[in-house]
């Protein structure tokens, strides 16, 4: 998916665990939602990418998903 970056954030000191294939697939599908093309277009026009940050708890459970534009 062009111009979309996924970042997983976890508290310092917590164990590093890669996200499951199901989580990555769910985020990809989220990017296909009807609300996303305008955000992607806005960021592309400004030379940026859409960054999707997934903040996780210490036990790697997702607690917040944040969308923002990042410098490409």
C-alpha atoms as a PDB file:
ATOM      1  CA  UNK A   1       0.000   0.000   0.000  1.00  0.00           C
ATOM      2  CA  UNK A   2       1.624   3.218  -1.154  1.00  0.00           C
ATOM      3  CA  UNK A   3       2.503   5.968   1.298  1.00  0.00           C
ATOM      4  CA  UNK A   4       1.304   4.158   4.414  1.00  0.00           C
ATOM      5  CA  UNK A   5       3.746   3.309   7.214  1.00  0.00           C
ATOM      6  CA  UNK A   6       2.900   1.133  10.229  1.00  0.00           C
ATOM      7  CA  UNK A   7       4.705   1.711  13.530  1.00  0.00           C
ATOM      8  CA  UNK A   8       4.203  -0.274  16.703  1.00  0.00           C
ATOM      9  CA  UNK A   9       4.952   1.523  19.973  1.00  0.00           C
ATOM     10  CA  UNK A  10       5.268  -0.181  23.323  1.00  0.00           C
ATOM     11  CA  UNK A  11       6.353   0.989  26.758  1.00  0.00           C
ATOM     12  CA  UNK A  12      10.086   0.990  27.400  1.00  0.00           C
ATOM     13  CA  UNK A  13      11.248  -2.153  29.110  1.00  0.00           C
ATOM     14  CA  UNK A  14       8.433  -4.282  27.725  1.00  0.00           C
ATOM     15  CA  UNK A  15       9.226  -7.370  25.706  1.00  0.00           C
ATOM     16  CA  UNK A  16       9.463  -6.987  21.961  1.00  0.00           C
ATOM     17  CA  UNK A  17       6.910  -9.054  20.107  1.00  0.00           C
ATOM     18  CA  UNK A  18       6.189  -8.778  16.411  1.00  0.00           C
ATOM     19  CA  UNK A  19       2.539  -8.123  15.540  1.00  0.00           C
ATOM     20  CA  UNK A  20       0.562 -11.097  14.341  1.00  0.00           C
ATOM     21  CA  UNK A  21      -0.287 -11.618  10.692  1.00  0.00           C
ATOM     22  CA  UNK A  22      -3.944 -11.060  11.606  1.00  0.00           C
ATOM     23  CA  UNK A  23      -3.137  -7.643  13.132  1.00  0.00           C
ATOM     24  CA  UNK A  24      -1.168  -6.568  10.073  1.00  0.00           C
ATOM     25  CA  UNK A  25      -3.980  -7.737   7.778  1.00  0.00           C
ATOM     26  CA  UNK A  26      -6.548  -5.843   9.870  1.00  0.00           C
ATOM     27  CA  UNK A  27      -4.500  -2.640   9.561  1.00  0.00           C
ATOM     28  CA  UNK A  28      -4.178  -3.122   5.806  1.00  0.00           C
ATOM     29  CA  UNK A  29      -7.942  -3.519   5.545  1.00  0.00           C
ATOM     30  CA  UNK A  30      -8.406  -0.407   7.671  1.00  0.00           C
ATOM     31  CA  UNK A  31      -6.378   1.507   5.078  1.00  0.00           C
ATOM     32  CA  UNK A  32      -8.905   0.419   2.459  1.00  0.00           C
ATOM     33  CA  UNK A  33     -11.804   2.040   4.347  1.00  0.00           C
ATOM     34  CA  UNK A  34     -13.844   4.699   2.568  1.00  0.00           C
ATOM     35  CA  UNK A  35     -12.451   7.384   4.905  1.00  0.00           C
ATOM     36  CA  UNK A  36      -8.807   6.755   4.030  1.00  0.00           C
ATOM     37  CA  UNK A  37      -8.407   7.879   0.376  1.00  0.00           C
ATOM     38  CA  UNK A  38      -8.813  11.564   1.269  1.00  0.00           C
ATOM     39  CA  UNK A  39      -6.208  11.316   4.071  1.00  0.00           C
ATOM     40  CA  UNK A  40      -3.798   9.485   1.775  1.00  0.00           C
ATOM     41  CA  UNK A  41      -4.352  12.052  -0.995  1.00  0.00           C
ATOM     42  CA  UNK A  42      -3.777  14.976   1.408  1.00  0.00           C
ATOM     43  CA  UNK A  43      -0.506  13.539   2.634  1.00  0.00           C
ATOM     44  CA  UNK A  44       0.666  12.649  -0.879  1.00  0.00           C
ATOM     45  CA  UNK A  45      -0.020  16.198  -2.060  1.00  0.00           C
ATOM     46  CA  UNK A  46       2.115  17.566   0.763  1.00  0.00           C
ATOM     47  CA  UNK A  47       4.961  15.101   0.111  1.00  0.00           C
ATOM     48  CA  UNK A  48       4.239  13.057   3.202  1.00  0.00           C
ATOM     49  CA  UNK A  49       3.139   9.535   4.109  1.00  0.00           C
ATOM     50  CA  UNK A  50       0.312   8.352   6.330  1.00  0.00           C
ATOM     51  CA  UNK A  51       1.748   6.925   9.534  1.00  0.00           C
ATOM     52  CA  UNK A  52      -0.397   4.523  11.496  1.00  0.00           C
ATOM     53  CA  UNK A  53       0.941   4.097  15.018  1.00  0.00           C
ATOM     54  CA  UNK A  54      -0.320   1.267  17.162  1.00  0.00           C
ATOM     55  CA  UNK A  55       0.373   1.904  20.841  1.00  0.00           C
ATOM     56  CA  UNK A  56       0.549  -1.308  22.831  1.00  0.00           C
ATOM     57  CA  UNK A  57       0.344  -2.182  26.497  1.00  0.00           C
ATOM     58  CA  UNK A  58       3.194  -3.970  28.274  1.00  0.00           C
ATOM     59  CA  UNK A  59       1.675  -7.319  27.327  1.00  0.00           C
ATOM     60  CA  UNK A  60       1.504  -6.261  23.626  1.00  0.00           C
ATOM     61  CA  UNK A  61      -2.235  -5.640  23.514  1.00  0.00           C
ATOM     62  CA  UNK A  62      -3.187  -2.733  21.226  1.00  0.00           C
ATOM     63  CA  UNK A  63      -4.651   0.143  23.221  1.00  0.00           C
ATOM     64  CA  UNK A  64      -4.655   3.018  20.706  1.00  0.00           C
ATOM     65  CA  UNK A  65      -4.358   3.401  16.949  1.00  0.00           C
ATOM     66  CA  UNK A  66      -3.279   6.858  15.812  1.00  0.00           C
ATOM     67  CA  UNK A  67      -3.181   8.214  12.248  1.00  0.00           C
ATOM     68  CA  UNK A  68      -0.918  11.096  11.231  1.00  0.00           C
ATOM     69  CA  UNK A  69       1.100  12.428   8.336  1.00  0.00           C
ATOM     70  CA  UNK A  70       4.843  11.982   8.448  1.00  0.00           C
ATOM     71  CA  UNK A  71       7.616  13.490   6.382  1.00  0.00           C
ATOM     72  CA  UNK A  72       8.456  11.139   3.541  1.00  0.00           C
END
